[in-house]
PDB file of all heavy atoms in Angstrom:
ATOM      1  N   SER A   1       0.847  -1.174  -0.035  1.00  0.00           N
ATOM      2  CA  SER A   1       0.020  -0.009   0.003  1.00  0.00           C
ATOM      3  C   SER A   1       0.881   1.248  -0.008  1.00  0.00           C
ATOM      4  O   SER A   1       2.077   1.171   0.198  1.00  0.00           O
ATOM      5  CB  SER A   1      -0.961   0.006   1.208  1.00  0.00           C
ATOM      6  OG  SER A   1      -0.222   0.054   2.433  1.00  0.00           O
ATOM      7  N   GLY A   2       0.239   2.375  -0.249  1.00  0.00           N
ATOM      8  CA  GLY A   2       1.020   3.610  -0.223  1.00  0.00           C
ATOM      9  C   GLY A   2       1.878   3.734  -1.442  1.00  0.00           C
ATOM     10  O   GLY A   2       1.658   3.129  -2.499  1.00  0.00           O
ATOM     11  N   SER A   3       2.908   4.545  -1.322  1.00  0.00           N
ATOM     12  CA  SER A   3       3.777   4.864  -2.426  1.00  0.00           C
ATOM     13  C   SER A   3       4.624   3.696  -2.888  1.00  0.00           C
ATOM     14  O   SER A   3       5.039   3.714  -4.056  1.00  0.00           O
ATOM     15  CB  SER A   3       4.665   6.021  -2.099  1.00  0.00           C
ATOM     16  OG  SER A   3       5.490   5.722  -0.980  1.00  0.00           O
ATOM     17  N   THR A   4       4.861   2.729  -2.038  1.00  0.00           N
ATOM     18  CA  THR A   4       5.732   1.629  -2.424  1.00  0.00           C
ATOM     19  C   THR A   4       5.251   0.943  -3.646  1.00  0.00           C
ATOM     20  O   THR A   4       6.046   0.648  -4.578  1.00  0.00           O
ATOM     21  CB  THR A   4       5.843   0.616  -1.264  1.00  0.00           C
ATOM     22  OG1 THR A   4       6.363   1.278  -0.097  1.00  0.00           O
ATOM     23  CG2 THR A   4       6.762  -0.524  -1.645  1.00  0.00           C
ATOM     24  N   TYR A   5       3.970   0.623  -3.730  1.00  0.00           N
ATOM     25  CA  TYR A   5       3.473  -0.144  -4.839  1.00  0.00           C
ATOM     26  C   TYR A   5       3.466   0.637  -6.132  1.00  0.00           C
ATOM     27  O   TYR A   5       3.449   0.076  -7.234  1.00  0.00           O
ATOM     28  CB  TYR A   5       2.061  -0.701  -4.592  1.00  0.00           C
ATOM     29  CG  TYR A   5       1.720  -1.800  -5.578  1.00  0.00           C
ATOM     30  CD1 TYR A   5       2.146  -3.124  -5.343  1.00  0.00           C
ATOM     31  CD2 TYR A   5       0.981  -1.541  -6.717  1.00  0.00           C
ATOM     32  CE1 TYR A   5       1.813  -4.126  -6.227  1.00  0.00           C
ATOM     33  CE2 TYR A   5       0.663  -2.540  -7.607  1.00  0.00           C
ATOM     34  CZ  TYR A   5       1.091  -3.809  -7.385  1.00  0.00           C
ATOM     35  OH  TYR A   5       0.785  -4.807  -8.263  1.00  0.00           O
ATOM     36  N   ARG A   6       3.519   1.942  -6.062  1.00  0.00           N
ATOM     37  CA  ARG A   6       3.508   2.772  -7.270  1.00  0.00           C
ATOM     38  C   ARG A   6       4.866   2.832  -7.948  1.00  0.00           C
ATOM     39  O   ARG A   6       4.971   3.410  -9.015  1.00  0.00           O
ATOM     40  CB  ARG A   6       3.020   4.192  -6.901  1.00  0.00           C
ATOM     41  CG  ARG A   6       1.572   4.239  -6.466  1.00  0.00           C
ATOM     42  CD  ARG A   6       1.040   5.660  -6.479  1.00  0.00           C
ATOM     43  NE  ARG A   6       1.632   6.503  -5.470  1.00  0.00           N
ATOM     44  CZ  ARG A   6       1.169   6.625  -4.247  1.00  0.00           C
ATOM     45  NH1 ARG A   6       0.075   5.915  -3.891  1.00  0.00           N
ATOM     46  NH2 ARG A   6       1.762   7.437  -3.360  1.00  0.00           N
ATOM     47  N   GLN A   7       5.858   2.275  -7.330  1.00  0.00           N
ATOM     48  CA  GLN A   7       7.176   2.205  -8.007  1.00  0.00           C
ATOM     49  C   GLN A   7       7.091   1.271  -9.170  1.00  0.00           C
ATOM     50  O   GLN A   7       6.280   0.346  -9.226  1.00  0.00           O
ATOM     51  CB  GLN A   7       8.252   1.691  -7.013  1.00  0.00           C
ATOM     52  CG  GLN A   7       8.413   2.550  -5.737  1.00  0.00           C
ATOM     53  CD  GLN A   7       8.863   3.938  -6.126  1.00  0.00           C
ATOM     54  OE1 GLN A   7       9.692   4.164  -7.053  1.00  0.00           O
ATOM     55  NE2 GLN A   7       8.317   4.943  -5.440  1.00  0.00           N
ATOM     56  N   ASP A   8       7.903   1.549 -10.198  1.00  0.00           N
ATOM     57  CA  ASP A   8       7.849   0.748 -11.428  1.00  0.00           C
ATOM     58  C   ASP A   8       8.207  -0.686 -11.173  1.00  0.00           C
ATOM     59  O   ASP A   8       7.651  -1.587 -11.895  1.00  0.00           O
ATOM     60  CB  ASP A   8       8.805   1.333 -12.449  1.00  0.00           C
ATOM     61  CG  ASP A   8       8.326   2.702 -12.984  1.00  0.00           C
ATOM     62  OD1 ASP A   8       7.138   3.003 -12.826  1.00  0.00           O
ATOM     63  OD2 ASP A   8       9.188   3.387 -13.599  1.00  0.00           O
ATOM     64  N   CYS A   9       9.103  -0.913 -10.276  1.00  0.00           N
ATOM     65  CA  CYS A   9       9.599  -2.256 -10.055  1.00  0.00           C
ATOM     66  C   CYS A   9       9.310  -2.712  -8.594  1.00  0.00           C
ATOM     67  O   CYS A   9       9.514  -2.003  -7.663  1.00  0.00           O
ATOM     68  CB  CYS A   9      11.098  -2.278 -10.261  1.00  0.00           C
ATOM     69  SG  CYS A   9      11.943  -3.840 -10.017  1.00  0.00           S
ATOM     70  N   MET A  10       8.776  -3.936  -8.507  1.00  0.00           N
ATOM     71  CA  MET A  10       8.589  -4.568  -7.220  1.00  0.00           C
ATOM     72  C   MET A  10       9.313  -5.893  -7.259  1.00  0.00           C
ATOM     73  O   MET A  10       9.341  -6.569  -8.299  1.00  0.00           O
ATOM     74  CB  MET A  10       7.090  -4.823  -6.898  1.00  0.00           C
ATOM     75  CG  MET A  10       6.315  -3.509  -6.686  1.00  0.00           C
ATOM     76  SD  MET A  10       6.828  -2.653  -5.146  1.00  0.00           S
ATOM     77  CE  MET A  10       6.373  -3.864  -3.892  1.00  0.00           C
ATOM     78  N   GLY A  11       9.856  -6.315  -6.122  1.00  0.00           N
ATOM     79  CA  GLY A  11      10.608  -7.497  -6.130  1.00  0.00           C
ATOM     80  C   GLY A  11      10.583  -8.240  -4.827  1.00  0.00           C
ATOM     81  O   GLY A  11      10.025  -7.783  -3.782  1.00  0.00           O
ATOM     82  N   TRP A  12      11.208  -9.398  -4.864  1.00  0.00           N
ATOM     83  CA  TRP A  12      11.333 -10.276  -3.682  1.00  0.00           C
ATOM     84  C   TRP A  12      12.815 -10.403  -3.333  1.00  0.00           C
ATOM     85  O   TRP A  12      13.650 -10.625  -4.224  1.00  0.00           O
ATOM     86  CB  TRP A  12      10.752 -11.642  -3.878  1.00  0.00           C
ATOM     87  CG  TRP A  12       9.237 -11.659  -3.902  1.00  0.00           C
ATOM     88  CD1 TRP A  12       8.408 -11.532  -4.956  1.00  0.00           C
ATOM     89  CD2 TRP A  12       8.410 -11.830  -2.743  1.00  0.00           C
ATOM     90  NE1 TRP A  12       7.090 -11.621  -4.600  1.00  0.00           N
ATOM     91  CE2 TRP A  12       7.066 -11.795  -3.230  1.00  0.00           C
ATOM     92  CE3 TRP A  12       8.646 -11.963  -1.373  1.00  0.00           C
ATOM     93  CZ2 TRP A  12       5.985 -11.894  -2.342  1.00  0.00           C
ATOM     94  CZ3 TRP A  12       7.569 -12.122  -0.527  1.00  0.00           C
ATOM     95  CH2 TRP A  12       6.234 -12.054  -1.011  1.00  0.00           C
ATOM     96  N   PHE A  13      13.117 -10.268  -2.056  1.00  0.00           N
ATOM     97  CA  PHE A  13      14.428 -10.446  -1.548  1.00  0.00           C
ATOM     98  C   PHE A  13      14.417 -11.518  -0.465  1.00  0.00           C
ATOM     99  O   PHE A  13      13.334 -11.784   0.098  1.00  0.00           O
ATOM    100  CB  PHE A  13      14.997  -9.147  -0.953  1.00  0.00           C
ATOM    101  CG  PHE A  13      15.103  -8.021  -1.975  1.00  0.00           C
ATOM    102  CD1 PHE A  13      14.005  -7.302  -2.341  1.00  0.00           C
ATOM    103  CD2 PHE A  13      16.344  -7.751  -2.579  1.00  0.00           C
ATOM    104  CE1 PHE A  13      14.070  -6.259  -3.243  1.00  0.00           C
ATOM    105  CE2 PHE A  13      16.436  -6.714  -3.498  1.00  0.00           C
ATOM    106  CZ  PHE A  13      15.292  -5.994  -3.865  1.00  0.00           C
ATOM    107  N   ARG A  14      15.543 -12.116  -0.171  1.00  0.00           N
ATOM    108  CA  ARG A  14      15.556 -13.064   0.914  1.00  0.00           C
ATOM    109  C   ARG A  14      16.855 -12.957   1.716  1.00  0.00           C
ATOM    110  O   ARG A  14      17.880 -12.508   1.210  1.00  0.00           O
ATOM    111  CB  ARG A  14      15.398 -14.513   0.409  1.00  0.00           C
ATOM    112  CG  ARG A  14      16.555 -14.966  -0.495  1.00  0.00           C
ATOM    113  CD  ARG A  14      16.203 -16.297  -1.149  1.00  0.00           C
ATOM    114  NE  ARG A  14      17.291 -16.809  -1.978  1.00  0.00           N
ATOM    115  CZ  ARG A  14      17.193 -17.884  -2.773  1.00  0.00           C
ATOM    116  NH1 ARG A  14      16.077 -18.614  -2.769  1.00  0.00           N
ATOM    117  NH2 ARG A  14      18.226 -18.268  -3.467  1.00  0.00           N
ATOM    118  N   GLN A  15      16.780 -13.388   2.970  1.00  0.00           N
ATOM    119  CA  GLN A  15      17.944 -13.327   3.830  1.00  0.00           C
ATOM    120  C   GLN A  15      17.874 -14.449   4.822  1.00  0.00           C
ATOM    121  O   GLN A  15      16.903 -14.550   5.596  1.00  0.00           O
ATOM    122  CB  GLN A  15      18.053 -11.997   4.551  1.00  0.00           C
ATOM    123  CG  GLN A  15      19.356 -11.847   5.358  1.00  0.00           C
ATOM    124  CD  GLN A  15      19.507 -10.429   5.857  1.00  0.00           C
ATOM    125  OE1 GLN A  15      18.614  -9.692   6.030  1.00  0.00           O
ATOM    126  NE2 GLN A  15      20.804 -10.047   6.069  1.00  0.00           N
ATOM    127  N   ASP A  16      18.881 -15.316   4.835  1.00  0.00           N
ATOM    128  CA  ASP A  16      18.952 -16.362   5.781  1.00  0.00           C
ATOM    129  C   ASP A  16      19.858 -15.951   6.941  1.00  0.00           C
ATOM    130  O   ASP A  16      20.681 -15.040   6.782  1.00  0.00           O
ATOM    131  CB  ASP A  16      19.480 -17.646   5.154  1.00  0.00           C
ATOM    132  CG  ASP A  16      19.208 -18.885   5.978  1.00  0.00           C
ATOM    133  OD1 ASP A  16      18.486 -18.819   6.982  1.00  0.00           O
ATOM    134  OD2 ASP A  16      19.697 -19.992   5.612  1.00  0.00           O
ATOM    135  N   THR A  17      19.766 -16.594   8.027  1.00  0.00           N
ATOM    136  CA  THR A  17      20.594 -16.293   9.199  1.00  0.00           C
ATOM    137  C   THR A  17      22.049 -16.298   8.864  1.00  0.00           C
ATOM    138  O   THR A  17      22.545 -17.263   8.340  1.00  0.00           O
ATOM    139  CB  THR A  17      20.264 -17.255  10.348  1.00  0.00           C
ATOM    140  OG1 THR A  17      18.867 -17.237  10.672  1.00  0.00           O
ATOM    141  CG2 THR A  17      21.077 -16.847  11.586  1.00  0.00           C
ATOM    142  N   GLY A  18      22.705 -15.199   9.156  1.00  0.00           N
ATOM    143  CA  GLY A  18      24.152 -15.076   8.989  1.00  0.00           C
ATOM    144  C   GLY A  18      24.574 -14.825   7.532  1.00  0.00           C
ATOM    145  O   GLY A  18      25.760 -14.760   7.295  1.00  0.00           O
ATOM    146  N   LYS A  19      23.634 -14.653   6.620  1.00  0.00           N
ATOM    147  CA  LYS A  19      23.964 -14.377   5.285  1.00  0.00           C
ATOM    148  C   LYS A  19      23.430 -12.985   4.807  1.00  0.00           C
ATOM    149  O   LYS A  19      22.577 -12.389   5.416  1.00  0.00           O
ATOM    150  CB  LYS A  19      23.384 -15.453   4.342  1.00  0.00           C
ATOM    151  CG  LYS A  19      23.969 -16.823   4.590  1.00  0.00           C
ATOM    152  CD  LYS A  19      23.495 -17.819   3.586  1.00  0.00           C
ATOM    153  CE  LYS A  19      24.151 -19.150   3.784  1.00  0.00           C
ATOM    154  NZ  LYS A  19      23.734 -20.143   2.781  1.00  0.00           N
ATOM    155  N   LYS A  20      24.032 -12.506   3.740  1.00  0.00           N
ATOM    156  CA  LYS A  20      23.590 -11.252   3.163  1.00  0.00           C
ATOM    157  C   LYS A  20      22.233 -11.330   2.496  1.00  0.00           C
ATOM    158  O   LYS A  20      21.894 -12.376   2.016  1.00  0.00           O
ATOM    159  CB  LYS A  20      24.671 -10.695   2.177  1.00  0.00           C
ATOM    160  CG  LYS A  20      25.992 -10.335   2.814  1.00  0.00           C
ATOM    161  CD  LYS A  20      26.917  -9.769   1.766  1.00  0.00           C
ATOM    162  CE  LYS A  20      28.225  -9.343   2.357  1.00  0.00           C
ATOM    163  NZ  LYS A  20      29.186  -8.802   1.325  1.00  0.00           N
ATOM    164  N   ARG A  21      21.558 -10.226   2.422  1.00  0.00           N
ATOM    165  CA  ARG A  21      20.311 -10.186   1.715  1.00  0.00           C
ATOM    166  C   ARG A  21      20.550 -10.361   0.226  1.00  0.00           C
ATOM    167  O   ARG A  21      21.538  -9.866  -0.328  1.00  0.00           O
ATOM    168  CB  ARG A  21      19.637  -8.806   1.933  1.00  0.00           C
ATOM    169  CG  ARG A  21      18.307  -8.650   1.255  1.00  0.00           C
ATOM    170  CD  ARG A  21      17.756  -7.278   1.488  1.00  0.00           C
ATOM    171  NE  ARG A  21      18.679  -6.219   1.023  1.00  0.00           N
ATOM    172  CZ  ARG A  21      18.830  -5.016   1.522  1.00  0.00           C
ATOM    173  NH1 ARG A  21      18.060  -4.665   2.540  1.00  0.00           N
ATOM    174  NH2 ARG A  21      19.683  -4.139   0.982  1.00  0.00           N
ATOM    175  N   GLU A  22      19.679 -11.116  -0.403  1.00  0.00           N
ATOM    176  CA  GLU A  22      19.835 -11.436  -1.836  1.00  0.00           C
ATOM    177  C   GLU A  22      18.584 -11.099  -2.578  1.00  0.00           C
ATOM    178  O   GLU A  22      17.469 -11.464  -2.165  1.00  0.00           O
ATOM    179  CB  GLU A  22      20.168 -12.901  -2.004  1.00  0.00           C
ATOM    180  CG  GLU A  22      20.250 -13.387  -3.427  1.00  0.00           C
ATOM    181  CD  GLU A  22      20.421 -14.898  -3.504  1.00  0.00           C
ATOM    182  OE1 GLU A  22      19.752 -15.630  -2.743  1.00  0.00           O
ATOM    183  OE2 GLU A  22      21.214 -15.351  -4.372  1.00  0.00           O
ATOM    184  N   GLY A  23      18.734 -10.450  -3.709  1.00  0.00           N
ATOM    185  CA  GLY A  23      17.573 -10.229  -4.568  1.00  0.00           C
ATOM    186  C   GLY A  23      17.232 -11.520  -5.298  1.00  0.00           C
ATOM    187  O   GLY A  23      18.112 -12.172  -5.812  1.00  0.00           O
ATOM    188  N   VAL A  24      15.919 -11.831  -5.313  1.00  0.00           N
ATOM    189  CA  VAL A  24      15.497 -13.083  -5.874  1.00  0.00           C
ATOM    190  C   VAL A  24      14.775 -12.896  -7.241  1.00  0.00           C
ATOM    191  O   VAL A  24      15.101 -13.569  -8.211  1.00  0.00           O
ATOM    192  CB  VAL A  24      14.567 -13.805  -4.904  1.00  0.00           C
ATOM    193  CG1 VAL A  24      14.027 -15.100  -5.499  1.00  0.00           C
ATOM    194  CG2 VAL A  24      15.283 -14.071  -3.558  1.00  0.00           C
ATOM    195  N   ALA A  25      13.842 -12.022  -7.236  1.00  0.00           N
ATOM    196  CA  ALA A  25      13.058 -11.818  -8.451  1.00  0.00           C
ATOM    197  C   ALA A  25      12.458 -10.394  -8.470  1.00  0.00           C
ATOM    198  O   ALA A  25      12.189  -9.841  -7.433  1.00  0.00           O
ATOM    199  CB  ALA A  25      11.951 -12.833  -8.570  1.00  0.00           C
ATOM    200  N   ALA A  26      12.276  -9.873  -9.641  1.00  0.00           N
ATOM    201  CA  ALA A  26      11.741  -8.550  -9.790  1.00  0.00           C
ATOM    202  C   ALA A  26      10.761  -8.466 -10.948  1.00  0.00           C
ATOM    203  O   ALA A  26      10.912  -9.238 -11.918  1.00  0.00           O
ATOM    204  CB  ALA A  26      12.823  -7.500  -9.979  1.00  0.00           C
ATOM    205  N   ILE A  27       9.789  -7.587 -10.873  1.00  0.00           N
ATOM    206  CA  ILE A  27       8.864  -7.433 -11.952  1.00  0.00           C
ATOM    207  C   ILE A  27       8.464  -5.958 -12.014  1.00  0.00           C
ATOM    208  O   ILE A  27       8.231  -5.293 -11.014  1.00  0.00           O
ATOM    209  CB  ILE A  27       7.609  -8.320 -11.711  1.00  0.00           C
ATOM    210  CG1 ILE A  27       6.648  -8.254 -12.888  1.00  0.00           C
ATOM    211  CG2 ILE A  27       6.864  -7.967 -10.400  1.00  0.00           C
ATOM    212  CD1 ILE A  27       5.569  -9.352 -12.865  1.00  0.00           C
ATOM    213  N   TYR A  28       8.328  -5.441 -13.262  1.00  0.00           N
ATOM    214  CA  TYR A  28       7.896  -4.109 -13.527  1.00  0.00           C
ATOM    215  C   TYR A  28       6.421  -4.030 -13.676  1.00  0.00           C
ATOM    216  O   TYR A  28       5.736  -5.068 -13.780  1.00  0.00           O
ATOM    217  CB  TYR A  28       8.633  -3.529 -14.749  1.00  0.00           C
ATOM    218  CG  TYR A  28       9.957  -2.949 -14.411  1.00  0.00           C
ATOM    219  CD1 TYR A  28      11.074  -3.800 -14.295  1.00  0.00           C
ATOM    220  CD2 TYR A  28      10.156  -1.584 -14.201  1.00  0.00           C
ATOM    221  CE1 TYR A  28      12.319  -3.249 -13.981  1.00  0.00           C
ATOM    222  CE2 TYR A  28      11.410  -1.056 -13.892  1.00  0.00           C
ATOM    223  CZ  TYR A  28      12.474  -1.936 -13.772  1.00  0.00           C
ATOM    224  OH  TYR A  28      13.692  -1.367 -13.477  1.00  0.00           O
ATOM    225  N   THR A  29       5.926  -2.796 -13.722  1.00  0.00           N
ATOM    226  CA  THR A  29       4.442  -2.593 -13.915  1.00  0.00           C
ATOM    227  C   THR A  29       3.953  -3.374 -15.120  1.00  0.00           C
ATOM    228  O   THR A  29       2.891  -3.992 -15.124  1.00  0.00           O
ATOM    229  CB  THR A  29       4.144  -1.128 -14.084  1.00  0.00           C
ATOM    230  OG1 THR A  29       4.589  -0.407 -12.914  1.00  0.00           O
ATOM    231  CG2 THR A  29       2.614  -0.915 -14.199  1.00  0.00           C
ATOM    232  N   THR A  30       4.724  -3.330 -16.217  1.00  0.00           N
ATOM    233  CA  THR A  30       4.461  -4.178 -17.353  1.00  0.00           C
ATOM    234  C   THR A  30       5.049  -5.566 -17.006  1.00  0.00           C
ATOM    235  O   THR A  30       6.216  -5.726 -16.933  1.00  0.00           O
ATOM    236  CB  THR A  30       5.095  -3.625 -18.591  1.00  0.00           C
ATOM    237  OG1 THR A  30       4.583  -2.305 -18.851  1.00  0.00           O
ATOM    238  CG2 THR A  30       4.784  -4.509 -19.794  1.00  0.00           C
TER     239      THR A  30
END
């Protein structure tokens, strides 16, 4: 909700214990 969803790109990130955050997948409005 709010301004976040209005961004062109939304994505999923993941982070396991003791590891760096990793980008998993992204999708644009199209």
